[in-house]
């Protein structure tokens, strides 16, 4: 089992992060997984899955910059 230090400090709500935060979180969490932990490979895979889900959500929910409420001459 991971120490309380790991679980308490690195449990975050990822949906409020920007993309740089996602990568920072992933690197820090990955680096804290002890190599000698009996389930380290499974934990790393779960982390990768979590990060991939977050990146997928980020990519599919980000709205590109749009000029709202600005109508230019000749536009419909």
PDB file of N, CA and C in Angstrom:
ATOM      1  N   UNK A   1       0.843  -1.178   0.000  1.00  0.00           N
ATOM      2  CA  UNK A   1       0.000   0.000   0.000  1.00  0.00           C
ATOM      3  C   UNK A   1       0.887   1.240   0.000  1.00  0.00           C
ATOM      4  N   UNK A   2       0.475   2.268  -0.770  1.00  0.00           N
ATOM      5  CA  UNK A   2       1.248   3.500  -0.798  1.00  0.00           C
ATOM      6  C   UNK A   2       1.114   4.234   0.521  1.00  0.00           C
ATOM      7  N   UNK A   3       2.133   4.973   0.854  1.00  0.00           N
ATOM      8  CA  UNK A   3       2.107   5.696   2.117  1.00  0.00           C
ATOM      9  C   UNK A   3       1.053   6.796   2.080  1.00  0.00           C
ATOM     10  N   UNK A   4       0.650   7.235   3.256  1.00  0.00           N
ATOM     11  CA  UNK A   4      -0.307   8.337   3.338  1.00  0.00           C
ATOM     12  C   UNK A   4       0.253   9.601   2.709  1.00  0.00           C
ATOM     13  N   UNK A   5       1.566   9.767   2.763  1.00  0.00           N
ATOM     14  CA  UNK A   5       2.192  10.927   2.133  1.00  0.00           C
ATOM     15  C   UNK A   5       1.832  10.983   0.650  1.00  0.00           C
ATOM     16  N   UNK A   6       1.902   9.840  -0.019  1.00  0.00           N
ATOM     17  CA  UNK A   6       1.577   9.798  -1.447  1.00  0.00           C
ATOM     18  C   UNK A   6       0.098  10.055  -1.668  1.00  0.00           C
ATOM     19  N   UNK A   7      -0.753   9.313  -0.974  1.00  0.00           N
ATOM     20  CA  UNK A   7      -2.184   9.401  -1.239  1.00  0.00           C
ATOM     21  C   UNK A   7      -2.774  10.735  -0.807  1.00  0.00           C
ATOM     22  N   UNK A   8      -2.312  11.289   0.289  1.00  0.00           N
ATOM     23  CA  UNK A   8      -2.859  12.562   0.760  1.00  0.00           C
ATOM     24  C   UNK A   8      -2.397  13.740  -0.081  1.00  0.00           C
ATOM     25  N   UNK A   9      -1.154  13.738  -0.505  1.00  0.00           N
ATOM     26  CA  UNK A   9      -0.610  14.876  -1.227  1.00  0.00           C
ATOM     27  C   UNK A   9      -0.919  14.841  -2.719  1.00  0.00           C
ATOM     28  N   UNK A  10      -1.285  13.706  -3.261  1.00  0.00           N
ATOM     29  CA  UNK A  10      -1.414  13.609  -4.711  1.00  0.00           C
ATOM     30  C   UNK A  10      -2.790  13.171  -5.179  1.00  0.00           C
ATOM     31  N   UNK A  11      -3.763  13.223  -4.286  1.00  0.00           N
ATOM     32  CA  UNK A  11      -5.126  12.988  -4.700  1.00  0.00           C
ATOM     33  C   UNK A  11      -5.684  14.345  -5.079  1.00  0.00           C
ATOM     34  N   UNK A  12      -5.987  14.504  -6.361  1.00  0.00           N
ATOM     35  CA  UNK A  12      -6.438  15.801  -6.848  1.00  0.00           C
ATOM     36  C   UNK A  12      -7.646  15.617  -7.750  1.00  0.00           C
ATOM     37  N   UNK A  13      -8.409  16.669  -7.870  1.00  0.00           N
ATOM     38  CA  UNK A  13      -9.478  16.682  -8.848  1.00  0.00           C
ATOM     39  C   UNK A  13      -8.871  17.205 -10.125  1.00  0.00           C
ATOM     40  N   UNK A  14      -8.640  16.303 -11.061  1.00  0.00           N
ATOM     41  CA  UNK A  14      -7.902  16.680 -12.259  1.00  0.00           C
ATOM     42  C   UNK A  14      -8.734  17.505 -13.226  1.00  0.00           C
ATOM     43  N   UNK A  15     -10.040  17.479 -13.129  1.00  0.00           N
ATOM     44  CA  UNK A  15     -10.862  18.170 -14.114  1.00  0.00           C
ATOM     45  C   UNK A  15     -10.714  19.681 -14.053  1.00  0.00           C
ATOM     46  N   UNK A  16     -10.108  20.220 -13.010  1.00  0.00           N
ATOM     47  CA  UNK A  16      -9.919  21.664 -12.913  1.00  0.00           C
ATOM     48  C   UNK A  16      -8.540  22.101 -13.389  1.00  0.00           C
ATOM     49  N   UNK A  17      -7.750  21.192 -13.909  1.00  0.00           N
ATOM     50  CA  UNK A  17      -6.380  21.491 -14.296  1.00  0.00           C
ATOM     51  C   UNK A  17      -6.296  21.947 -15.743  1.00  0.00           C
ATOM     52  N   UNK A  18      -5.268  22.757 -16.016  1.00  0.00           N
ATOM     53  CA  UNK A  18      -4.953  23.029 -17.411  1.00  0.00           C
ATOM     54  C   UNK A  18      -3.979  21.947 -17.872  1.00  0.00           C
ATOM     55  N   UNK A  19      -3.637  21.968 -19.136  1.00  0.00           N
ATOM     56  CA  UNK A  19      -2.841  20.863 -19.683  1.00  0.00           C
ATOM     57  C   UNK A  19      -1.450  20.776 -19.052  1.00  0.00           C
ATOM     58  N   UNK A  20      -0.845  21.922 -18.732  1.00  0.00           N
ATOM     59  CA  UNK A  20       0.470  21.898 -18.083  1.00  0.00           C
ATOM     60  C   UNK A  20       0.380  21.260 -16.706  1.00  0.00           C
ATOM     61  N   UNK A  21      -0.726  21.520 -15.999  1.00  0.00           N
ATOM     62  CA  UNK A  21      -0.935  20.921 -14.680  1.00  0.00           C
ATOM     63  C   UNK A  21      -1.071  19.402 -14.776  1.00  0.00           C
ATOM     64  N   UNK A  22      -1.721  18.939 -15.833  1.00  0.00           N
ATOM     65  CA  UNK A  22      -1.889  17.497 -16.017  1.00  0.00           C
ATOM     66  C   UNK A  22      -0.528  16.816 -16.141  1.00  0.00           C
ATOM     67  N   UNK A  23       0.339  17.395 -16.992  1.00  0.00           N
ATOM     68  CA  UNK A  23       1.663  16.797 -17.184  1.00  0.00           C
ATOM     69  C   UNK A  23       2.530  16.912 -15.930  1.00  0.00           C
ATOM     70  N   UNK A  24       2.417  18.014 -15.204  1.00  0.00           N
ATOM     71  CA  UNK A  24       3.169  18.178 -13.954  1.00  0.00           C
ATOM     72  C   UNK A  24       2.701  17.148 -12.931  1.00  0.00           C
ATOM     73  N   UNK A  25       1.386  17.024 -12.799  1.00  0.00           N
ATOM     74  CA  UNK A  25       0.820  16.038 -11.880  1.00  0.00           C
ATOM     75  C   UNK A  25       1.311  14.629 -12.231  1.00  0.00           C
ATOM     76  N   UNK A  26       1.248  14.288 -13.522  1.00  0.00           N
ATOM     77  CA  UNK A  26       1.645  12.954 -13.959  1.00  0.00           C
ATOM     78  C   UNK A  26       3.097  12.670 -13.619  1.00  0.00           C
ATOM     79  N   UNK A  27       3.977  13.617 -13.910  1.00  0.00           N
ATOM     80  CA  UNK A  27       5.405  13.412 -13.640  1.00  0.00           C
ATOM     81  C   UNK A  27       5.660  13.265 -12.147  1.00  0.00           C
ATOM     82  N   UNK A  28       5.080  14.152 -11.349  1.00  0.00           N
ATOM     83  CA  UNK A  28       5.303  14.089  -9.903  1.00  0.00           C
ATOM     84  C   UNK A  28       4.750  12.799  -9.314  1.00  0.00           C
ATOM     85  N   UNK A  29       3.550  12.413  -9.723  1.00  0.00           N
ATOM     86  CA  UNK A  29       2.951  11.189  -9.194  1.00  0.00           C
ATOM     87  C   UNK A  29       3.747   9.965  -9.631  1.00  0.00           C
ATOM     88  N   UNK A  30       4.155   9.934 -10.897  1.00  0.00           N
ATOM     89  CA  UNK A  30       4.925   8.800 -11.418  1.00  0.00           C
ATOM     90  C   UNK A  30       6.253   8.657 -10.673  1.00  0.00           C
ATOM     91  N   UNK A  31       6.917   9.789 -10.435  1.00  0.00           N
ATOM     92  CA  UNK A  31       8.206   9.766  -9.737  1.00  0.00           C
ATOM     93  C   UNK A  31       8.085   9.293  -8.285  1.00  0.00           C
ATOM     94  N   UNK A  32       6.917   9.440  -7.698  1.00  0.00           N
ATOM     95  CA  UNK A  32       6.730   9.052  -6.298  1.00  0.00           C
ATOM     96  C   UNK A  32       6.341   7.583  -6.115  1.00  0.00           C
ATOM     97  N   UNK A  33       6.080   6.895  -7.188  1.00  0.00           N
ATOM     98  CA  UNK A  33       5.727   5.482  -7.071  1.00  0.00           C
ATOM     99  C   UNK A  33       7.010   4.692  -6.825  1.00  0.00           C
ATOM    100  N   UNK A  34       7.112   4.033  -5.677  1.00  0.00           N
ATOM    101  CA  UNK A  34       8.336   3.293  -5.364  1.00  0.00           C
ATOM    102  C   UNK A  34       8.516   2.096  -6.300  1.00  0.00           C
ATOM    103  N   UNK A  35       9.706   1.950  -6.850  1.00  0.00           N
ATOM    104  CA  UNK A  35      10.000   0.844  -7.753  1.00  0.00           C
ATOM    105  C   UNK A  35       9.918  -0.509  -7.054  1.00  0.00           C
ATOM    106  N   UNK A  36      10.155  -0.520  -5.743  1.00  0.00           N
ATOM    107  CA  UNK A  36      10.128  -1.784  -5.022  1.00  0.00           C
ATOM    108  C   UNK A  36       8.733  -2.136  -4.497  1.00  0.00           C
ATOM    109  N   UNK A  37       7.746  -1.329  -4.808  1.00  0.00           N
ATOM    110  CA  UNK A  37       6.378  -1.626  -4.392  1.00  0.00           C
ATOM    111  C   UNK A  37       5.898  -2.849  -5.181  1.00  0.00           C
ATOM    112  N   UNK A  38       5.255  -3.808  -4.514  1.00  0.00           N
ATOM    113  CA  UNK A  38       4.863  -5.040  -5.206  1.00  0.00           C
ATOM    114  C   UNK A  38       3.874  -4.818  -6.362  1.00  0.00           C
ATOM    115  N   UNK A  39       3.187  -3.693  -6.373  1.00  0.00           N
ATOM    116  CA  UNK A  39       2.205  -3.422  -7.420  1.00  0.00           C
ATOM    117  C   UNK A  39       2.559  -2.158  -8.207  1.00  0.00           C
ATOM    118  N   UNK A  40       3.840  -1.815  -8.247  1.00  0.00           N
ATOM    119  CA  UNK A  40       4.246  -0.555  -8.880  1.00  0.00           C
ATOM    120  C   UNK A  40       3.852  -0.487 -10.354  1.00  0.00           C
ATOM    121  N   UNK A  41       3.964  -1.589 -11.077  1.00  0.00           N
ATOM    122  CA  UNK A  41       3.609  -1.569 -12.501  1.00  0.00           C
ATOM    123  C   UNK A  41       2.112  -1.323 -12.695  1.00  0.00           C
ATOM    124  N   UNK A  42       1.306  -1.939 -11.858  1.00  0.00           N
ATOM    125  CA  UNK A  42      -0.141  -1.724 -11.936  1.00  0.00           C
ATOM    126  C   UNK A  42      -0.494  -0.280 -11.580  1.00  0.00           C
ATOM    127  N   UNK A  43       0.146   0.253 -10.555  1.00  0.00           N
ATOM    128  CA  UNK A  43      -0.101   1.637 -10.141  1.00  0.00           C
ATOM    129  C   UNK A  43       0.306   2.599 -11.265  1.00  0.00           C
ATOM    130  N   UNK A  44       1.447   2.349 -11.876  1.00  0.00           N
ATOM    131  CA  UNK A  44       1.900   3.199 -12.981  1.00  0.00           C
ATOM    132  C   UNK A  44       0.918   3.146 -14.148  1.00  0.00           C
ATOM    133  N   UNK A  45       0.412   1.950 -14.457  1.00  0.00           N
ATOM    134  CA  UNK A  45      -0.548   1.829 -15.555  1.00  0.00           C
ATOM    135  C   UNK A  45      -1.851   2.558 -15.229  1.00  0.00           C
ATOM    136  N   UNK A  46      -2.291   2.462 -13.986  1.00  0.00           N
ATOM    137  CA  UNK A  46      -3.500   3.184 -13.575  1.00  0.00           C
ATOM    138  C   UNK A  46      -3.296   4.692 -13.681  1.00  0.00           C
ATOM    139  N   UNK A  47      -2.123   5.160 -13.311  1.00  0.00           N
ATOM    140  CA  UNK A  47      -1.807   6.577 -13.437  1.00  0.00           C
ATOM    141  C   UNK A  47      -1.820   6.996 -14.907  1.00  0.00           C
ATOM    142  N   UNK A  48      -1.205   6.198 -15.752  1.00  0.00           N
ATOM    143  CA  UNK A  48      -1.194   6.503 -17.191  1.00  0.00           C
ATOM    144  C   UNK A  48      -2.623   6.540 -17.735  1.00  0.00           C
ATOM    145  N   UNK A  49      -3.448   5.594 -17.334  1.00  0.00           N
ATOM    146  CA  UNK A  49      -4.845   5.581 -17.770  1.00  0.00           C
ATOM    147  C   UNK A  49      -5.581   6.834 -17.299  1.00  0.00           C
ATOM    148  N   UNK A  50      -5.335   7.226 -16.057  1.00  0.00           N
ATOM    149  CA  UNK A  50      -5.974   8.419 -15.506  1.00  0.00           C
ATOM    150  C   UNK A  50      -5.560   9.660 -16.290  1.00  0.00           C
ATOM    151  N   UNK A  51      -4.286   9.787 -16.565  1.00  0.00           N
ATOM    152  CA  UNK A  51      -3.779  10.945 -17.293  1.00  0.00           C
ATOM    153  C   UNK A  51      -4.313  10.947 -18.728  1.00  0.00           C
ATOM    154  N   UNK A  52      -4.337   9.776 -19.360  1.00  0.00           N
ATOM    155  CA  UNK A  52      -4.891   9.700 -20.719  1.00  0.00           C
ATOM    156  C   UNK A  52      -6.363  10.096 -20.747  1.00  0.00           C
ATOM    157  N   UNK A  53      -7.121   9.678 -19.747  1.00  0.00           N
ATOM    158  CA  UNK A  53      -8.524  10.080 -19.656  1.00  0.00           C
ATOM    159  C   UNK A  53      -8.649  11.589 -19.502  1.00  0.00           C
ATOM    160  N   UNK A  54      -7.813  12.141 -18.656  1.00  0.00           N
ATOM    161  CA  UNK A  54      -7.855  13.592 -18.434  1.00  0.00           C
ATOM    162  C   UNK A  54      -7.490  14.354 -19.707  1.00  0.00           C
ATOM    163  N   UNK A  55      -6.458  13.880 -20.416  1.00  0.00           N
ATOM    164  CA  UNK A  55      -6.070  14.540 -21.668  1.00  0.00           C
ATOM    165  C   UNK A  55      -7.179  14.412 -22.710  1.00  0.00           C
ATOM    166  N   UNK A  56      -7.829  13.267 -22.763  1.00  0.00           N
ATOM    167  CA  UNK A  56      -8.951  13.081 -23.678  1.00  0.00           C
ATOM    168  C   UNK A  56     -10.078  14.055 -23.338  1.00  0.00           C
ATOM    169  N   UNK A  57     -10.421  14.144 -22.053  1.00  0.00           N
ATOM    170  CA  UNK A  57     -11.469  15.072 -21.628  1.00  0.00           C
ATOM    171  C   UNK A  57     -11.088  16.512 -21.937  1.00  0.00           C
ATOM    172  N   UNK A  58      -9.851  16.853 -21.663  1.00  0.00           N
ATOM    173  CA  UNK A  58      -9.382  18.215 -21.918  1.00  0.00           C
ATOM    174  C   UNK A  58      -9.494  18.539 -23.411  1.00  0.00           C
ATOM    175  N   UNK A  59      -9.078  17.616 -24.244  1.00  0.00           N
ATOM    176  CA  UNK A  59      -9.098  17.823 -25.692  1.00  0.00           C
ATOM    177  C   UNK A  59     -10.516  17.947 -26.224  1.00  0.00           C
ATOM    178  N   UNK A  60     -11.449  17.244 -25.617  1.00  0.00           N
ATOM    179  CA  UNK A  60     -12.822  17.237 -26.118  1.00  0.00           C
ATOM    180  C   UNK A  60     -13.736  18.254 -25.456  1.00  0.00           C
ATOM    181  N   UNK A  61     -13.253  18.969 -24.463  1.00  0.00           N
ATOM    182  CA  UNK A  61     -14.094  19.965 -23.810  1.00  0.00           C
ATOM    183  C   UNK A  61     -13.552  21.372 -23.940  1.00  0.00           C
ATOM    184  N   UNK A  62     -12.334  21.523 -24.433  1.00  0.00           N
ATOM    185  CA  UNK A  62     -11.771  22.856 -24.591  1.00  0.00           C
ATOM    186  C   UNK A  62     -12.442  23.547 -25.772  1.00  0.00           C
ATOM    187  N   UNK A  63     -12.832  24.774 -25.550  1.00  0.00           N
ATOM    188  CA  UNK A  63     -13.453  25.555 -26.612  1.00  0.00           C
ATOM    189  C   UNK A  63     -12.397  26.493 -27.169  1.00  0.00           C
ATOM    190  N   UNK A  64     -12.147  26.425 -28.453  1.00  0.00           N
ATOM    191  CA  UNK A  64     -11.162  27.339 -29.021  1.00  0.00           C
ATOM    192  C   UNK A  64     -11.634  28.775 -28.930  1.00  0.00           C
ATOM    193  N   UNK A  65     -10.716  29.684 -29.001  1.00  0.00           N
ATOM    194  CA  UNK A  65     -11.037  31.099 -28.936  1.00  0.00           C
ATOM    195  C   UNK A  65     -11.989  31.446 -30.075  1.00  0.00           C
ATOM    196  N   UNK A  66     -13.069  32.087 -29.696  1.00  0.00           N
ATOM    197  CA  UNK A  66     -14.037  32.546 -30.692  1.00  0.00           C
ATOM    198  C   UNK A  66     -14.352  34.002 -30.426  1.00  0.00           C
ATOM    199  N   UNK A  67     -14.543  34.742 -31.479  1.00  0.00           N
ATOM    200  CA  UNK A  67     -14.918  36.142 -31.325  1.00  0.00           C
ATOM    201  C   UNK A  67     -16.425  36.228 -31.144  1.00  0.00           C
ATOM    202  N   UNK A  68     -16.873  36.122 -29.937  1.00  0.00           N
ATOM    203  CA  UNK A  68     -18.295  36.201 -29.661  1.00  0.00           C
ATOM    204  C   UNK A  68     -18.734  37.659 -29.675  1.00  0.00           C
ATOM    205  N   UNK A  69     -19.935  37.870 -30.168  1.00  0.00           N
ATOM    206  CA  UNK A  69     -20.546  39.196 -30.185  1.00  0.00           C
ATOM    207  C   UNK A  69     -19.788  40.217 -31.023  1.00  0.00           C
ATOM    208  N   UNK A  70     -19.028  39.781 -31.994  1.00  0.00           N
ATOM    209  CA  UNK A  70     -18.389  40.735 -32.896  1.00  0.00           C
ATOM    210  C   UNK A  70     -18.780  40.371 -34.304  1.00  0.00           C
ATOM    211  N   UNK A  71     -19.557  41.216 -34.897  1.00  0.00           N
ATOM    212  CA  UNK A  71     -19.984  40.984 -36.272  1.00  0.00           C
ATOM    213  C   UNK A  71     -19.237  41.961 -37.161  1.00  0.00           C
ATOM    214  N   UNK A  72     -18.563  41.430 -38.101  1.00  0.00           N
ATOM    215  CA  UNK A  72     -17.809  42.267 -39.019  1.00  0.00           C
ATOM    216  C   UNK A  72     -18.639  42.540 -40.258  1.00  0.00           C
ATOM    217  N   UNK A  73     -18.363  43.630 -40.893  1.00  0.00           N
ATOM    218  CA  UNK A  73     -19.081  44.012 -42.104  1.00  0.00           C
ATOM    219  C   UNK A  73     -18.953  42.906 -43.142  1.00  0.00           C
ATOM    220  N   UNK A  74     -20.067  42.502 -43.702  1.00  0.00           N
ATOM    221  CA  UNK A  74     -20.066  41.464 -44.718  1.00  0.00           C
ATOM    222  C   UNK A  74     -20.248  40.063 -44.153  1.00  0.00           C
ATOM    223  N   UNK A  75     -20.309  39.906 -42.840  1.00  0.00           N
ATOM    224  CA  UNK A  75     -20.513  38.576 -42.276  1.00  0.00           C
ATOM    225  C   UNK A  75     -21.998  38.305 -42.161  1.00  0.00           C
ATOM    226  N   UNK A  76     -22.377  37.056 -42.116  1.00  0.00           N
ATOM    227  CA  UNK A  76     -23.790  36.689 -42.018  1.00  0.00           C
ATOM    228  C   UNK A  76     -24.294  36.855 -40.623  1.00  0.00           C
TER     229      UNK A  76
END
